[in-house]
Amino acid sequence: NIVNNLTSVITAPKKITSQEYLNTGYYPIIDQSQ
């Protein structure tokens, strides 16, 4: 089958802007960096 039929896309409640990134916290922020 194709990937589109095997998965669903999840939309985040909201995106964290780069200005809001913290050096430490409870939850990691994930983007496409290595």
PDB file of all heavy atoms in Angstrom:
ATOM      1  N   ASN A   1       0.860  -1.173   0.000  1.00  0.00           N
ATOM      2  CA  ASN A   1       0.000   0.000   0.000  1.00  0.00           C
ATOM      3  C   ASN A   1       0.899   1.226   0.000  1.00  0.00           C
ATOM      4  O   ASN A   1       2.110   1.108   0.198  1.00  0.00           O
ATOM      5  CB  ASN A   1      -0.931   0.007   1.217  1.00  0.00           C
ATOM      6  CG  ASN A   1      -2.278   0.641   0.907  1.00  0.00           C
ATOM      7  OD1 ASN A   1      -2.348   1.606   0.137  1.00  0.00           O
ATOM      8  ND2 ASN A   1      -3.337   0.108   1.507  1.00  0.00           N
ATOM      9  N   ILE A   2       0.313   2.379  -0.188  1.00  0.00           N
ATOM     10  CA  ILE A   2       1.118   3.598  -0.169  1.00  0.00           C
ATOM     11  C   ILE A   2       1.117   4.193   1.237  1.00  0.00           C
ATOM     12  O   ILE A   2       0.213   3.942   2.038  1.00  0.00           O
ATOM     13  CB  ILE A   2       0.629   4.642  -1.196  1.00  0.00           C
ATOM     14  CG1 ILE A   2      -0.817   5.045  -0.907  1.00  0.00           C
ATOM     15  CG2 ILE A   2       0.797   4.112  -2.614  1.00  0.00           C
ATOM     16  CD1 ILE A   2      -1.306   6.197  -1.781  1.00  0.00           C
ATOM     17  N   VAL A   3       2.141   4.996   1.533  1.00  0.00           N
ATOM     18  CA  VAL A   3       2.299   5.587   2.869  1.00  0.00           C
ATOM     19  C   VAL A   3       1.051   6.358   3.285  1.00  0.00           C
ATOM     20  O   VAL A   3       0.619   6.310   4.437  1.00  0.00           O
ATOM     21  CB  VAL A   3       3.541   6.510   2.906  1.00  0.00           C
ATOM     22  CG1 VAL A   3       3.579   7.327   4.192  1.00  0.00           C
ATOM     23  CG2 VAL A   3       4.816   5.693   2.748  1.00  0.00           C
ATOM     24  N   ASN A   4       0.448   7.054   2.346  1.00  0.00           N
ATOM     25  CA  ASN A   4      -0.717   7.878   2.659  1.00  0.00           C
ATOM     26  C   ASN A   4      -1.870   7.055   3.226  1.00  0.00           C
ATOM     27  O   ASN A   4      -2.654   7.541   4.052  1.00  0.00           O
ATOM     28  CB  ASN A   4      -1.181   8.624   1.409  1.00  0.00           C
ATOM     29  CG  ASN A   4      -2.158   9.738   1.728  1.00  0.00           C
ATOM     30  OD1 ASN A   4      -1.905  10.560   2.602  1.00  0.00           O
ATOM     31  ND2 ASN A   4      -3.279   9.770   1.023  1.00  0.00           N
ATOM     32  N   ASN A   5      -1.992   5.766   2.785  1.00  0.00           N
ATOM     33  CA  ASN A   5      -3.068   4.903   3.268  1.00  0.00           C
ATOM     34  C   ASN A   5      -2.692   4.155   4.547  1.00  0.00           C
ATOM     35  O   ASN A   5      -3.557   3.544   5.175  1.00  0.00           O
ATOM     36  CB  ASN A   5      -3.451   3.891   2.187  1.00  0.00           C
ATOM     37  CG  ASN A   5      -4.088   4.550   0.977  1.00  0.00           C
ATOM     38  OD1 ASN A   5      -4.647   5.644   1.084  1.00  0.00           O
ATOM     39  ND2 ASN A   5      -3.981   3.909  -0.180  1.00  0.00           N
ATOM     40  N   LEU A   6      -1.403   4.193   4.897  1.00  0.00           N
ATOM     41  CA  LEU A   6      -0.929   3.480   6.079  1.00  0.00           C
ATOM     42  C   LEU A   6      -0.734   4.398   7.287  1.00  0.00           C
ATOM     43  O   LEU A   6      -0.516   3.917   8.398  1.00  0.00           O
ATOM     44  CB  LEU A   6       0.405   2.785   5.773  1.00  0.00           C
ATOM     45  CG  LEU A   6       0.381   1.740   4.649  1.00  0.00           C
ATOM     46  CD1 LEU A   6       1.796   1.276   4.352  1.00  0.00           C
ATOM     47  CD2 LEU A   6      -0.506   0.568   5.037  1.00  0.00           C
ATOM     48  N   THR A   7      -0.839   5.696   7.046  1.00  0.00           N
ATOM     49  CA  THR A   7      -0.587   6.663   8.129  1.00  0.00           C
ATOM     50  C   THR A   7      -1.631   7.769   8.115  1.00  0.00           C
ATOM     51  O   THR A   7      -2.349   7.965   7.131  1.00  0.00           O
ATOM     52  CB  THR A   7       0.804   7.308   7.969  1.00  0.00           C
ATOM     53  OG1 THR A   7       0.836   8.043   6.732  1.00  0.00           O
ATOM     54  CG2 THR A   7       1.913   6.274   7.991  1.00  0.00           C
ATOM     55  N   SER A   8      -1.682   8.469   9.212  1.00  0.00           N
ATOM     56  CA  SER A   8      -2.464   9.703   9.274  1.00  0.00           C
ATOM     57  C   SER A   8      -1.531  10.822   9.728  1.00  0.00           C
ATOM     58  O   SER A   8      -0.566  10.577  10.458  1.00  0.00           O
ATOM     59  CB  SER A   8      -3.644   9.569  10.247  1.00  0.00           C
ATOM     60  OG  SER A   8      -3.186   9.188  11.524  1.00  0.00           O
ATOM     61  N   VAL A   9      -1.802  12.030   9.282  1.00  0.00           N
ATOM     62  CA  VAL A   9      -0.970  13.177   9.636  1.00  0.00           C
ATOM     63  C   VAL A   9      -1.533  13.831  10.888  1.00  0.00           C
ATOM     64  O   VAL A   9      -2.729  14.103  10.986  1.00  0.00           O
ATOM     65  CB  VAL A   9      -0.917  14.195   8.481  1.00  0.00           C
ATOM     66  CG1 VAL A   9      -0.117  15.435   8.903  1.00  0.00           C
ATOM     67  CG2 VAL A   9      -0.303  13.565   7.246  1.00  0.00           C
ATOM     68  N   ILE A  10      -0.665  14.057  11.866  1.00  0.00           N
ATOM     69  CA  ILE A  10      -1.070  14.711  13.113  1.00  0.00           C
ATOM     70  C   ILE A  10      -0.675  16.185  13.045  1.00  0.00           C
ATOM     71  O   ILE A  10       0.446  16.521  12.669  1.00  0.00           O
ATOM     72  CB  ILE A  10      -0.392  14.046  14.322  1.00  0.00           C
ATOM     73  CG1 ILE A  10      -0.939  12.627  14.502  1.00  0.00           C
ATOM     74  CG2 ILE A  10      -0.590  14.860  15.586  1.00  0.00           C
ATOM     75  CD1 ILE A  10      -0.302  11.876  15.632  1.00  0.00           C
ATOM     76  N   THR A  11      -1.596  17.036  13.396  1.00  0.00           N
ATOM     77  CA  THR A  11      -1.325  18.472  13.450  1.00  0.00           C
ATOM     78  C   THR A  11      -1.085  18.885  14.895  1.00  0.00           C
ATOM     79  O   THR A  11      -1.900  18.579  15.774  1.00  0.00           O
ATOM     80  CB  THR A  11      -2.502  19.281  12.876  1.00  0.00           C
ATOM     81  OG1 THR A  11      -2.749  18.842  11.529  1.00  0.00           O
ATOM     82  CG2 THR A  11      -2.194  20.766  12.873  1.00  0.00           C
ATOM     83  N   ALA A  12       0.017  19.534  15.127  1.00  0.00           N
ATOM     84  CA  ALA A  12       0.337  19.988  16.488  1.00  0.00           C
ATOM     85  C   ALA A  12      -0.676  21.034  16.940  1.00  0.00           C
ATOM     86  O   ALA A  12      -1.204  21.799  16.113  1.00  0.00           O
ATOM     87  CB  ALA A  12       1.743  20.582  16.511  1.00  0.00           C
ATOM     88  N   PRO A  13      -0.989  21.078  18.241  1.00  0.00           N
ATOM     89  CA  PRO A  13      -1.919  22.103  18.741  1.00  0.00           C
ATOM     90  C   PRO A  13      -1.497  23.511  18.350  1.00  0.00           C
ATOM     91  O   PRO A  13      -2.322  24.356  18.031  1.00  0.00           O
ATOM     92  CB  PRO A  13      -1.866  21.916  20.261  1.00  0.00           C
ATOM     93  CG  PRO A  13      -1.413  20.507  20.459  1.00  0.00           C
ATOM     94  CD  PRO A  13      -0.504  20.205  19.313  1.00  0.00           C
ATOM     95  N   LYS A  14      -0.188  23.741  18.364  1.00  0.00           N
ATOM     96  CA  LYS A  14       0.386  25.002  17.884  1.00  0.00           C
ATOM     97  C   LYS A  14       1.891  24.815  17.750  1.00  0.00           C
ATOM     98  O   LYS A  14       2.465  23.877  18.308  1.00  0.00           O
ATOM     99  CB  LYS A  14       0.071  26.153  18.837  1.00  0.00           C
ATOM    100  CG  LYS A  14       0.708  26.053  20.212  1.00  0.00           C
ATOM    101  CD  LYS A  14       0.358  27.284  21.039  1.00  0.00           C
ATOM    102  CE  LYS A  14       1.002  27.234  22.417  1.00  0.00           C
ATOM    103  NZ  LYS A  14       0.673  28.416  23.224  1.00  0.00           N
ATOM    104  N   LYS A  15       2.521  25.686  16.983  1.00  0.00           N
ATOM    105  CA  LYS A  15       3.970  25.646  16.825  1.00  0.00           C
ATOM    106  C   LYS A  15       4.618  26.613  17.813  1.00  0.00           C
ATOM    107  O   LYS A  15       4.080  27.686  18.073  1.00  0.00           O
ATOM    108  CB  LYS A  15       4.383  26.020  15.394  1.00  0.00           C
ATOM    109  CG  LYS A  15       3.970  25.018  14.340  1.00  0.00           C
ATOM    110  CD  LYS A  15       4.473  25.453  12.970  1.00  0.00           C
ATOM    111  CE  LYS A  15       4.046  24.459  11.889  1.00  0.00           C
ATOM    112  NZ  LYS A  15       4.540  24.886  10.555  1.00  0.00           N
ATOM    113  N   ILE A  16       5.750  26.194  18.322  1.00  0.00           N
ATOM    114  CA  ILE A  16       6.522  27.072  19.208  1.00  0.00           C
ATOM    115  C   ILE A  16       7.462  27.898  18.339  1.00  0.00           C
ATOM    116  O   ILE A  16       8.237  27.340  17.554  1.00  0.00           O
ATOM    117  CB  ILE A  16       7.349  26.256  20.235  1.00  0.00           C
ATOM    118  CG1 ILE A  16       6.455  25.290  21.018  1.00  0.00           C
ATOM    119  CG2 ILE A  16       8.109  27.181  21.168  1.00  0.00           C
ATOM    120  CD1 ILE A  16       5.471  25.960  21.945  1.00  0.00           C
ATOM    121  N   THR A  17       7.389  29.208  18.453  1.00  0.00           N
ATOM    122  CA  THR A  17       8.279  30.063  17.663  1.00  0.00           C
ATOM    123  C   THR A  17       9.701  29.972  18.214  1.00  0.00           C
ATOM    124  O   THR A  17       9.906  29.680  19.404  1.00  0.00           O
ATOM    125  CB  THR A  17       7.822  31.530  17.696  1.00  0.00           C
ATOM    126  OG1 THR A  17       7.921  32.016  19.043  1.00  0.00           O
ATOM    127  CG2 THR A  17       6.379  31.655  17.217  1.00  0.00           C
ATOM    128  N   SER A  18      10.667  30.227  17.358  1.00  0.00           N
ATOM    129  CA  SER A  18      12.071  30.106  17.773  1.00  0.00           C
ATOM    130  C   SER A  18      12.408  31.041  18.932  1.00  0.00           C
ATOM    131  O   SER A  18      13.279  30.742  19.747  1.00  0.00           O
ATOM    132  CB  SER A  18      12.998  30.380  16.584  1.00  0.00           C
ATOM    133  OG  SER A  18      12.721  31.649  16.013  1.00  0.00           O
ATOM    134  N   GLN A  19      11.695  32.171  19.032  1.00  0.00           N
ATOM    135  CA  GLN A  19      11.951  33.105  20.141  1.00  0.00           C
ATOM    136  C   GLN A  19      11.512  32.532  21.489  1.00  0.00           C
ATOM    137  O   GLN A  19      11.963  32.993  22.543  1.00  0.00           O
ATOM    138  CB  GLN A  19      11.216  34.435  19.898  1.00  0.00           C
ATOM    139  CG  GLN A  19      11.745  35.255  18.727  1.00  0.00           C
ATOM    140  CD  GLN A  19      11.147  34.805  17.407  1.00  0.00           C
ATOM    141  OE1 GLN A  19      10.346  33.872  17.358  1.00  0.00           O
ATOM    142  NE2 GLN A  19      11.540  35.477  16.326  1.00  0.00           N
ATOM    143  N   GLU A  20      10.631  31.521  21.439  1.00  0.00           N
ATOM    144  CA  GLU A  20      10.103  30.937  22.686  1.00  0.00           C
ATOM    145  C   GLU A  20      10.901  29.715  23.151  1.00  0.00           C
ATOM    146  O   GLU A  20      10.606  29.158  24.203  1.00  0.00           O
ATOM    147  CB  GLU A  20       8.641  30.524  22.482  1.00  0.00           C
ATOM    148  CG  GLU A  20       7.702  31.665  22.165  1.00  0.00           C
ATOM    149  CD  GLU A  20       6.296  31.172  21.871  1.00  0.00           C
ATOM    150  OE1 GLU A  20       6.066  30.639  20.756  1.00  0.00           O
ATOM    151  OE2 GLU A  20       5.426  31.303  22.767  1.00  0.00           O
ATOM    152  N   TYR A  21      11.893  29.278  22.374  1.00  0.00           N
ATOM    153  CA  TYR A  21      12.665  28.091  22.756  1.00  0.00           C
ATOM    154  C   TYR A  21      13.387  28.327  24.076  1.00  0.00           C
ATOM    155  O   TYR A  21      13.984  29.377  24.296  1.00  0.00           O
ATOM    156  CB  TYR A  21      13.716  27.752  21.690  1.00  0.00           C
ATOM    157  CG  TYR A  21      13.179  27.239  20.376  1.00  0.00           C
ATOM    158  CD1 TYR A  21      11.815  27.190  20.100  1.00  0.00           C
ATOM    159  CD2 TYR A  21      14.052  26.807  19.384  1.00  0.00           C
ATOM    160  CE1 TYR A  21      11.348  26.722  18.894  1.00  0.00           C
ATOM    161  CE2 TYR A  21      13.585  26.328  18.160  1.00  0.00           C
ATOM    162  CZ  TYR A  21      12.228  26.298  17.923  1.00  0.00           C
ATOM    163  OH  TYR A  21      11.749  25.838  16.721  1.00  0.00           O
ATOM    164  N   LEU A  22      13.346  27.328  24.952  1.00  0.00           N
ATOM    165  CA  LEU A  22      14.072  27.377  26.220  1.00  0.00           C
ATOM    166  C   LEU A  22      15.265  26.418  26.167  1.00  0.00           C
ATOM    167  O   LEU A  22      15.259  25.441  25.423  1.00  0.00           O
ATOM    168  CB  LEU A  22      13.150  26.967  27.374  1.00  0.00           C
ATOM    169  CG  LEU A  22      11.865  27.780  27.563  1.00  0.00           C
ATOM    170  CD1 LEU A  22      11.039  27.170  28.705  1.00  0.00           C
ATOM    171  CD2 LEU A  22      12.173  29.244  27.848  1.00  0.00           C
ATOM    172  N   ASN A  23      16.281  26.715  26.973  1.00  0.00           N
ATOM    173  CA  ASN A  23      17.444  25.819  27.046  1.00  0.00           C
ATOM    174  C   ASN A  23      17.117  24.544  27.812  1.00  0.00           C
ATOM    175  O   ASN A  23      17.692  23.490  27.554  1.00  0.00           O
ATOM    176  CB  ASN A  23      18.626  26.527  27.695  1.00  0.00           C
ATOM    177  CG  ASN A  23      19.179  27.640  26.818  1.00  0.00           C
ATOM    178  OD1 ASN A  23      19.149  27.537  25.601  1.00  0.00           O
ATOM    179  ND2 ASN A  23      19.661  28.701  27.434  1.00  0.00           N
ATOM    180  N   THR A  24      16.211  24.634  28.753  1.00  0.00           N
ATOM    181  CA  THR A  24      15.735  23.468  29.504  1.00  0.00           C
ATOM    182  C   THR A  24      14.233  23.606  29.712  1.00  0.00           C
ATOM    183  O   THR A  24      13.687  24.707  29.651  1.00  0.00           O
ATOM    184  CB  THR A  24      16.431  23.348  30.878  1.00  0.00           C
ATOM    185  OG1 THR A  24      16.172  24.543  31.649  1.00  0.00           O
ATOM    186  CG2 THR A  24      17.932  23.156  30.726  1.00  0.00           C
ATOM    187  N   GLY A  25      13.571  22.490  29.953  1.00  0.00           N
ATOM    188  CA  GLY A  25      12.131  22.520  30.176  1.00  0.00           C
ATOM    189  C   GLY A  25      11.586  21.109  30.310  1.00  0.00           C
ATOM    190  O   GLY A  25      12.340  20.130  30.320  1.00  0.00           O
ATOM    191  N   TYR A  26      10.269  20.993  30.382  1.00  0.00           N
ATOM    192  CA  TYR A  26       9.642  19.681  30.563  1.00  0.00           C
ATOM    193  C   TYR A  26       9.500  18.917  29.247  1.00  0.00           C
ATOM    194  O   TYR A  26       9.545  17.687  29.224  1.00  0.00           O
ATOM    195  CB  TYR A  26       8.268  19.835  31.202  1.00  0.00           C
ATOM    196  CG  TYR A  26       8.307  20.290  32.648  1.00  0.00           C
ATOM    197  CD1 TYR A  26       7.758  21.509  33.020  1.00  0.00           C
ATOM    198  CD2 TYR A  26       8.900  19.499  33.634  1.00  0.00           C
ATOM    199  CE1 TYR A  26       7.793  21.936  34.345  1.00  0.00           C
ATOM    200  CE2 TYR A  26       8.945  19.919  34.951  1.00  0.00           C
ATOM    201  CZ  TYR A  26       8.392  21.143  35.308  1.00  0.00           C
ATOM    202  OH  TYR A  26       8.447  21.563  36.604  1.00  0.00           O
ATOM    203  N   TYR A  27       9.279  19.649  28.150  1.00  0.00           N
ATOM    204  CA  TYR A  27       8.985  18.977  26.888  1.00  0.00           C
ATOM    205  C   TYR A  27       9.971  19.420  25.798  1.00  0.00           C
ATOM    206  O   TYR A  27      10.221  20.614  25.625  1.00  0.00           O
ATOM    207  CB  TYR A  27       7.557  19.305  26.430  1.00  0.00           C
ATOM    208  CG  TYR A  27       6.513  18.942  27.444  1.00  0.00           C
ATOM    209  CD1 TYR A  27       5.913  19.932  28.225  1.00  0.00           C
ATOM    210  CD2 TYR A  27       6.138  17.615  27.644  1.00  0.00           C
ATOM    211  CE1 TYR A  27       4.957  19.600  29.189  1.00  0.00           C
ATOM    212  CE2 TYR A  27       5.184  17.271  28.585  1.00  0.00           C
ATOM    213  CZ  TYR A  27       4.601  18.267  29.366  1.00  0.00           C
ATOM    214  OH  TYR A  27       3.667  17.937  30.318  1.00  0.00           O
ATOM    215  N   PRO A  28      10.510  18.468  25.027  1.00  0.00           N
ATOM    216  CA  PRO A  28      11.408  18.839  23.932  1.00  0.00           C
ATOM    217  C   PRO A  28      10.630  19.435  22.769  1.00  0.00           C
ATOM    218  O   PRO A  28       9.480  19.070  22.519  1.00  0.00           O
ATOM    219  CB  PRO A  28      12.050  17.510  23.540  1.00  0.00           C
ATOM    220  CG  PRO A  28      11.061  16.472  23.945  1.00  0.00           C
ATOM    221  CD  PRO A  28      10.369  17.001  25.167  1.00  0.00           C
ATOM    222  N   ILE A  29      11.275  20.346  22.079  1.00  0.00           N
ATOM    223  CA  ILE A  29      10.721  20.912  20.840  1.00  0.00           C
ATOM    224  C   ILE A  29      11.463  20.258  19.684  1.00  0.00           C
ATOM    225  O   ILE A  29      12.688  20.194  19.678  1.00  0.00           O
ATOM    226  CB  ILE A  29      10.924  22.447  20.792  1.00  0.00           C
ATOM    227  CG1 ILE A  29      10.255  23.115  22.000  1.00  0.00           C
ATOM    228  CG2 ILE A  29      10.360  23.017  19.491  1.00  0.00           C
ATOM    229  CD1 ILE A  29      10.622  24.578  22.151  1.00  0.00           C
ATOM    230  N   ILE A  30      10.703  19.773  18.712  1.00  0.00           N
ATOM    231  CA  ILE A  30      11.304  19.034  17.607  1.00  0.00           C
ATOM    232  C   ILE A  30      11.080  19.777  16.298  1.00  0.00           C
ATOM    233  O   ILE A  30       9.981  20.252  16.017  1.00  0.00           O
ATOM    234  CB  ILE A  30      10.714  17.607  17.528  1.00  0.00           C
ATOM    235  CG1 ILE A  30      11.230  16.794  18.720  1.00  0.00           C
ATOM    236  CG2 ILE A  30      11.076  16.930  16.212  1.00  0.00           C
ATOM    237  CD1 ILE A  30      10.679  15.403  18.790  1.00  0.00           C
ATOM    238  N   ASP A  31      12.173  19.900  15.522  1.00  0.00           N
ATOM    239  CA  ASP A  31      12.045  20.397  14.156  1.00  0.00           C
ATOM    240  C   ASP A  31      12.853  19.491  13.244  1.00  0.00           C
ATOM    241  O   ASP A  31      13.167  18.355  13.603  1.00  0.00           O
ATOM    242  CB  ASP A  31      12.444  21.877  14.057  1.00  0.00           C
ATOM    243  CG  ASP A  31      13.929  22.110  14.293  1.00  0.00           C
ATOM    244  OD1 ASP A  31      14.703  21.121  14.365  1.00  0.00           O
ATOM    245  OD2 ASP A  31      14.338  23.283  14.400  1.00  0.00           O
ATOM    246  N   GLN A  32      13.210  19.969  12.063  1.00  0.00           N
ATOM    247  CA  GLN A  32      13.853  19.104  11.076  1.00  0.00           C
ATOM    248  C   GLN A  32      15.376  19.144  11.158  1.00  0.00           C
ATOM    249  O   GLN A  32      16.046  18.625  10.268  1.00  0.00           O
ATOM    250  CB  GLN A  32      13.424  19.518   9.685  1.00  0.00           C
ATOM    251  CG  GLN A  32      13.832  20.940   9.345  1.00  0.00           C
ATOM    252  CD  GLN A  32      13.449  21.307   7.936  1.00  0.00           C
ATOM    253  OE1 GLN A  32      13.098  20.454   7.149  1.00  0.00           O
ATOM    254  NE2 GLN A  32      13.519  22.574   7.625  1.00  0.00           N
ATOM    255  N   SER A  33      15.934  19.744  12.188  1.00  0.00           N
ATOM    256  CA  SER A  33      17.390  19.803  12.293  1.00  0.00           C
ATOM    257  C   SER A  33      17.967  18.403  12.481  1.00  0.00           C
ATOM    258  O   SER A  33      17.265  17.465  12.859  1.00  0.00           O
ATOM    259  CB  SER A  33      17.801  20.697  13.469  1.00  0.00           C
ATOM    260  OG  SER A  33      17.334  20.163  14.686  1.00  0.00           O
ATOM    261  N   GLN A  34      19.269  18.272  12.249  1.00  0.00           N
ATOM    262  CA  GLN A  34      19.915  16.966  12.289  1.00  0.00           C
ATOM    263  C   GLN A  34      19.729  16.294  13.653  1.00  0.00           C
ATOM    264  O   GLN A  34      19.480  15.104  13.739  1.00  0.00           O
ATOM    265  CB  GLN A  34      21.412  17.126  11.982  1.00  0.00           C
ATOM    266  CG  GLN A  34      22.153  15.822  11.804  1.00  0.00           C
ATOM    267  CD  GLN A  34      21.719  15.051  10.568  1.00  0.00           C
ATOM    268  OE1 GLN A  34      21.483  15.636   9.509  1.00  0.00           O
ATOM    269  NE2 GLN A  34      21.596  13.749  10.683  1.00  0.00           N
TER     270      GLN A  34
END
